Amino acid sequence: MGSLIEELERREAAARAEADRLRSRIEELAGELARAEEQVTRLAIAREEVMRVLAEPAGAELAGSSAKEPGPVPPIGAVAVPPWHEGADGSWLPRSYQDLLEVAADAGRPLKAAQFAAATGLSTDRAKVEALRSKLKRLAGRGWLAEEPGGLFTLPSREVAGETPKPGR
């Protein structure tokens, strides 16, 4: 039988090996944690920047610019239909949204989604009309159109500012 000292040395070596293994694992986990924290930080910054961009009126970055350039073009991945603001004419909205604003202006009365579809030359199939309705709701939600009861959409009255959104080319 081995001596008590030899047994304690064996156990000490085993404990030391376990401590070394755990230290190594802690270093691995610390590296993983650092990478995860970096990703969290980058995503938080991206989210904050997107929220800042979405909160600004369209074209605000060009305010005060003396250059005579066409309206601002939203960058890829940005909101294609920004909130309406005074002075906005819709000239740089996507063509399909400009068409909807033109139909609303020409009609001079509230229209249903199917009537917008017919007026723009789109299919009046149920699925196509529902897709168009989502565009109309997006325009209404951002102030370009007004949604009335019964699923009707029209240009909003802008009596206070004297402005109505006029689609441009």
C-alpha atoms as a PDB file:
ATOM      1  CA  MET A   1       0.000   0.000   0.000  1.00  0.00           C
ATOM      2  CA  GLY A   2       1.193   3.515  -0.857  1.00  0.00           C
ATOM      3  CA  SER A   3       1.969   6.030   1.739  1.00  0.00           C
ATOM      4  CA  LEU A   4      -0.375   8.806   2.712  1.00  0.00           C
ATOM      5  CA  ILE A   5       2.046  11.399   1.320  1.00  0.00           C
ATOM      6  CA  GLU A   6       2.096   9.694  -2.090  1.00  0.00           C
ATOM      7  CA  GLU A   7      -1.716   9.617  -2.146  1.00  0.00           C
ATOM      8  CA  LEU A   8      -1.887  13.331  -1.279  1.00  0.00           C
ATOM      9  CA  GLU A   9       0.661  14.133  -4.021  1.00  0.00           C
ATOM     10  CA  ARG A  10      -1.389  12.132  -6.539  1.00  0.00           C
ATOM     11  CA  ARG A  11      -4.562  13.983  -5.548  1.00  0.00           C
ATOM     12  CA  GLU A  12      -2.730  17.330  -5.615  1.00  0.00           C
ATOM     13  CA  ALA A  13      -1.479  16.614  -9.156  1.00  0.00           C
ATOM     14  CA  ALA A  14      -5.002  15.656 -10.234  1.00  0.00           C
ATOM     15  CA  ALA A  15      -6.438  18.832  -8.688  1.00  0.00           C
ATOM     16  CA  ARG A  16      -3.693  20.915 -10.317  1.00  0.00           C
ATOM     17  CA  ALA A  17      -4.462  19.312 -13.705  1.00  0.00           C
ATOM     18  CA  GLU A  18      -8.190  20.035 -13.210  1.00  0.00           C
ATOM     19  CA  ALA A  19      -7.388  23.655 -12.268  1.00  0.00           C
ATOM     20  CA  ASP A  20      -5.240  24.011 -15.405  1.00  0.00           C
ATOM     21  CA  ARG A  21      -8.023  22.527 -17.551  1.00  0.00           C
ATOM     22  CA  LEU A  22     -10.576  24.928 -16.028  1.00  0.00           C
ATOM     23  CA  ARG A  23      -8.214  27.901 -16.488  1.00  0.00           C
ATOM     24  CA  SER A  24      -7.850  26.972 -20.143  1.00  0.00           C
ATOM     25  CA  ARG A  25     -11.625  26.684 -20.493  1.00  0.00           C
ATOM     26  CA  ILE A  26     -12.062  30.102 -18.795  1.00  0.00           C
ATOM     27  CA  GLU A  27      -9.688  31.637 -21.360  1.00  0.00           C
ATOM     28  CA  GLU A  28     -11.724  30.079 -24.194  1.00  0.00           C
ATOM     29  CA  LEU A  29     -14.968  31.331 -22.677  1.00  0.00           C
ATOM     30  CA  ALA A  30     -13.492  34.794 -22.107  1.00  0.00           C
ATOM     31  CA  GLY A  31     -12.631  34.956 -25.832  1.00  0.00           C
ATOM     32  CA  GLU A  32     -16.143  33.836 -26.773  1.00  0.00           C
ATOM     33  CA  LEU A  33     -17.615  36.374 -24.350  1.00  0.00           C
ATOM     34  CA  ALA A  34     -15.511  39.184 -25.835  1.00  0.00           C
ATOM     35  CA  ARG A  35     -16.683  38.289 -29.357  1.00  0.00           C
ATOM     36  CA  ALA A  36     -20.319  38.134 -28.242  1.00  0.00           C
ATOM     37  CA  GLU A  37     -20.045  41.483 -26.425  1.00  0.00           C
ATOM     38  CA  GLU A  38     -18.479  43.060 -29.516  1.00  0.00           C
ATOM     39  CA  GLN A  39     -21.369  41.780 -31.639  1.00  0.00           C
ATOM     40  CA  VAL A  40     -23.909  43.148 -29.132  1.00  0.00           C
ATOM     41  CA  THR A  41     -22.205  46.544 -29.245  1.00  0.00           C
ATOM     42  CA  ARG A  42     -22.118  46.616 -33.046  1.00  0.00           C
ATOM     43  CA  LEU A  43     -25.779  45.602 -33.316  1.00  0.00           C
ATOM     44  CA  ALA A  44     -26.825  48.201 -30.731  1.00  0.00           C
ATOM     45  CA  ILE A  45     -24.965  50.916 -32.645  1.00  0.00           C
ATOM     46  CA  ALA A  46     -26.547  49.785 -35.921  1.00  0.00           C
ATOM     47  CA  ARG A  47     -30.036  49.784 -34.368  1.00  0.00           C
ATOM     48  CA  GLU A  48     -29.519  53.246 -32.861  1.00  0.00           C
ATOM     49  CA  GLU A  49     -28.237  54.624 -36.167  1.00  0.00           C
ATOM     50  CA  VAL A  50     -31.181  53.171 -38.100  1.00  0.00           C
ATOM     51  CA  MET A  51     -33.618  54.617 -35.568  1.00  0.00           C
ATOM     52  CA  ARG A  52     -31.891  58.019 -35.850  1.00  0.00           C
ATOM     53  CA  VAL A  53     -32.107  57.934 -39.650  1.00  0.00           C
ATOM     54  CA  LEU A  54     -35.762  56.888 -39.569  1.00  0.00           C
ATOM     55  CA  ALA A  55     -36.612  59.637 -37.100  1.00  0.00           C
ATOM     56  CA  GLU A  56     -35.145  62.402 -39.286  1.00  0.00           C
ATOM     57  CA  PRO A  57     -37.327  64.030 -41.924  1.00  0.00           C
ATOM     58  CA  ALA A  58     -36.400  62.865 -45.389  1.00  0.00           C
ATOM     59  CA  GLY A  59     -33.636  64.907 -46.941  1.00  0.00           C
ATOM     60  CA  ALA A  60     -32.605  66.481 -43.624  1.00  0.00           C
ATOM     61  CA  GLU A  61     -28.986  65.642 -44.332  1.00  0.00           C
ATOM     62  CA  LEU A  62     -29.132  67.959 -47.343  1.00  0.00           C
ATOM     63  CA  ALA A  63     -30.614  70.908 -45.444  1.00  0.00           C
ATOM     64  CA  GLY A  64     -28.537  73.988 -45.933  1.00  0.00           C
ATOM     65  CA  SER A  65     -26.762  72.510 -48.922  1.00  0.00           C
ATOM     66  CA  SER A  66     -26.380  75.042 -51.693  1.00  0.00           C
ATOM     67  CA  ALA A  67     -25.866  72.378 -54.347  1.00  0.00           C
ATOM     68  CA  LYS A  68     -28.733  72.039 -56.779  1.00  0.00           C
ATOM     69  CA  GLU A  69     -29.132  68.289 -56.817  1.00  0.00           C
ATOM     70  CA  PRO A  70     -32.203  66.175 -57.397  1.00  0.00           C
ATOM     71  CA  GLY A  71     -33.995  65.042 -54.259  1.00  0.00           C
ATOM     72  CA  PRO A  72     -32.197  62.708 -51.901  1.00  0.00           C
ATOM     73  CA  VAL A  73     -32.130  59.060 -52.811  1.00  0.00           C
ATOM     74  CA  PRO A  74     -32.651  56.782 -49.847  1.00  0.00           C
ATOM     75  CA  PRO A  75     -29.732  54.397 -49.421  1.00  0.00           C
ATOM     76  CA  ILE A  76     -30.221  50.699 -50.024  1.00  0.00           C
ATOM     77  CA  GLY A  77     -31.898  49.093 -47.041  1.00  0.00           C
ATOM     78  CA  ALA A  78     -33.400  52.361 -45.820  1.00  0.00           C
ATOM     79  CA  VAL A  79     -37.089  53.114 -45.619  1.00  0.00           C
ATOM     80  CA  ALA A  80     -38.346  53.766 -49.156  1.00  0.00           C
ATOM     81  CA  VAL A  81     -41.359  55.715 -47.882  1.00  0.00           C
ATOM     82  CA  PRO A  82     -40.294  58.206 -45.230  1.00  0.00           C
ATOM     83  CA  PRO A  83     -42.799  60.142 -43.155  1.00  0.00           C
ATOM     84  CA  TRP A  84     -44.346  63.114 -44.936  1.00  0.00           C
ATOM     85  CA  HIS A  85     -43.123  66.515 -43.814  1.00  0.00           C
ATOM     86  CA  GLU A  86     -43.944  70.033 -44.922  1.00  0.00           C
ATOM     87  CA  GLY A  87     -42.445  70.756 -48.293  1.00  0.00           C
ATOM     88  CA  ALA A  88     -42.171  67.092 -49.292  1.00  0.00           C
ATOM     89  CA  ASP A  89     -43.378  66.548 -52.839  1.00  0.00           C
ATOM     90  CA  GLY A  90     -42.823  62.820 -53.224  1.00  0.00           C
ATOM     91  CA  SER A  91     -40.564  63.240 -56.245  1.00  0.00           C
ATOM     92  CA  TRP A  92     -38.012  60.806 -54.904  1.00  0.00           C
ATOM     93  CA  LEU A  93     -40.436  58.182 -53.642  1.00  0.00           C
ATOM     94  CA  PRO A  94     -40.320  54.893 -55.543  1.00  0.00           C
ATOM     95  CA  ARG A  95     -42.208  55.147 -58.842  1.00  0.00           C
ATOM     96  CA  SER A  96     -44.986  52.780 -57.692  1.00  0.00           C
ATOM     97  CA  TYR A  97     -45.726  55.043 -54.709  1.00  0.00           C
ATOM     98  CA  GLN A  98     -45.636  58.167 -56.878  1.00  0.00           C
ATOM     99  CA  ASP A  99     -48.205  56.508 -59.141  1.00  0.00           C
ATOM    100  CA  LEU A 100     -50.523  55.933 -56.188  1.00  0.00           C
ATOM    101  CA  LEU A 101     -50.235  59.572 -55.115  1.00  0.00           C
ATOM    102  CA  GLU A 102     -50.987  60.684 -58.693  1.00  0.00           C
ATOM    103  CA  VAL A 103     -54.099  58.509 -58.792  1.00  0.00           C
ATOM    104  CA  ALA A 104     -55.269  59.979 -55.490  1.00  0.00           C
ATOM    105  CA  ALA A 105     -54.644  63.522 -56.748  1.00  0.00           C
ATOM    106  CA  ASP A 106     -56.407  62.874 -60.068  1.00  0.00           C
ATOM    107  CA  ALA A 107     -59.407  61.187 -58.437  1.00  0.00           C
ATOM    108  CA  GLY A 108     -60.095  64.036 -56.047  1.00  0.00           C
ATOM    109  CA  ARG A 109     -62.142  61.657 -53.918  1.00  0.00           C
ATOM    110  CA  PRO A 110     -61.478  58.665 -51.680  1.00  0.00           C
ATOM    111  CA  LEU A 111     -60.826  55.393 -53.512  1.00  0.00           C
ATOM    112  CA  LYS A 112     -60.662  51.735 -52.522  1.00  0.00           C
ATOM    113  CA  ALA A 113     -57.533  49.668 -53.141  1.00  0.00           C
ATOM    114  CA  ALA A 114     -59.129  47.892 -56.130  1.00  0.00           C
ATOM    115  CA  GLN A 115     -59.863  51.282 -57.713  1.00  0.00           C
ATOM    116  CA  PHE A 116     -56.218  52.294 -57.241  1.00  0.00           C
ATOM    117  CA  ALA A 117     -55.176  49.000 -58.862  1.00  0.00           C
ATOM    118  CA  ALA A 118     -57.422  49.561 -61.865  1.00  0.00           C
ATOM    119  CA  ALA A 119     -56.332  53.197 -62.233  1.00  0.00           C
ATOM    120  CA  THR A 120     -52.644  52.254 -62.211  1.00  0.00           C
ATOM    121  CA  GLY A 121     -53.154  49.406 -64.661  1.00  0.00           C
ATOM    122  CA  LEU A 122     -52.449  46.686 -62.140  1.00  0.00           C
ATOM    123  CA  SER A 123     -54.298  43.416 -61.815  1.00  0.00           C
ATOM    124  CA  THR A 124     -57.443  43.540 -59.707  1.00  0.00           C
ATOM    125  CA  ASP A 125     -56.934  39.980 -58.471  1.00  0.00           C
ATOM    126  CA  ARG A 126     -57.507  39.714 -54.740  1.00  0.00           C
ATOM    127  CA  ALA A 127     -53.863  38.935 -53.925  1.00  0.00           C
ATOM    128  CA  LYS A 128     -52.586  41.875 -56.001  1.00  0.00           C
ATOM    129  CA  VAL A 129     -55.149  44.239 -54.458  1.00  0.00           C
ATOM    130  CA  GLU A 130     -54.118  43.144 -50.944  1.00  0.00           C
ATOM    131  CA  ALA A 131     -50.463  43.806 -51.774  1.00  0.00           C
ATOM    132  CA  LEU A 132     -51.450  47.228 -53.085  1.00  0.00           C
ATOM    133  CA  ARG A 133     -53.510  47.860 -49.950  1.00  0.00           C
ATOM    134  CA  SER A 134     -50.346  47.362 -47.865  1.00  0.00           C
ATOM    135  CA  LYS A 135     -48.625  50.081 -49.939  1.00  0.00           C
ATOM    136  CA  LEU A 136     -51.608  52.383 -49.435  1.00  0.00           C
ATOM    137  CA  LYS A 137     -51.551  51.717 -45.694  1.00  0.00           C
ATOM    138  CA  ARG A 138     -47.821  52.437 -45.636  1.00  0.00           C
ATOM    139  CA  LEU A 139     -48.433  55.764 -47.382  1.00  0.00           C
ATOM    140  CA  ALA A 140     -51.281  56.522 -44.957  1.00  0.00           C
ATOM    141  CA  GLY A 141     -49.235  55.520 -41.930  1.00  0.00           C
ATOM    142  CA  ARG A 142     -46.491  57.918 -42.972  1.00  0.00           C
ATOM    143  CA  GLY A 143     -48.818  60.822 -43.726  1.00  0.00           C
ATOM    144  CA  TRP A 144     -48.783  60.803 -47.543  1.00  0.00           C
ATOM    145  CA  LEU A 145     -52.396  59.578 -47.745  1.00  0.00           C
ATOM    146  CA  ALA A 146     -55.330  59.577 -45.363  1.00  0.00           C
ATOM    147  CA  GLU A 147     -57.201  56.360 -44.657  1.00  0.00           C
ATOM    148  CA  GLU A 148     -60.921  56.771 -44.199  1.00  0.00           C
ATOM    149  CA  PRO A 149     -63.480  54.302 -42.840  1.00  0.00           C
ATOM    150  CA  GLY A 150     -64.511  51.588 -45.261  1.00  0.00           C
ATOM    151  CA  GLY A 151     -61.009  51.035 -46.625  1.00  0.00           C
ATOM    152  CA  LEU A 152     -60.906  54.299 -48.568  1.00  0.00           C
ATOM    153  CA  PHE A 153     -57.734  56.257 -49.221  1.00  0.00           C
ATOM    154  CA  THR A 154     -57.343  59.874 -50.282  1.00  0.00           C
ATOM    155  CA  LEU A 155     -54.920  62.762 -50.081  1.00  0.00           C
ATOM    156  CA  PRO A 156     -54.999  64.308 -46.609  1.00  0.00           C
ATOM    157  CA  SER A 157     -56.108  67.887 -46.205  1.00  0.00           C
ATOM    158  CA  ARG A 158     -53.190  70.092 -45.322  1.00  0.00           C
ATOM    159  CA  GLU A 159     -55.085  73.283 -44.636  1.00  0.00           C
ATOM    160  CA  VAL A 160     -52.777  74.387 -41.831  1.00  0.00           C
ATOM    161  CA  ALA A 161     -49.624  74.322 -43.928  1.00  0.00           C
ATOM    162  CA  GLY A 162     -51.381  74.851 -47.242  1.00  0.00           C
ATOM    163  CA  GLU A 163     -49.516  71.869 -48.626  1.00  0.00           C
ATOM    164  CA  THR A 164     -50.679  68.730 -50.336  1.00  0.00           C
ATOM    165  CA  PRO A 165     -48.262  66.050 -51.405  1.00  0.00           C
ATOM    166  CA  LYS A 166     -47.777  66.274 -55.135  1.00  0.00           C
ATOM    167  CA  PRO A 167     -45.972  63.378 -56.702  1.00  0.00           C
ATOM    168  CA  GLY A 168     -43.048  64.379 -58.845  1.00  0.00           C
ATOM    169  CA  ARG A 169     -41.045  62.642 -61.467  1.00  0.00           C
END
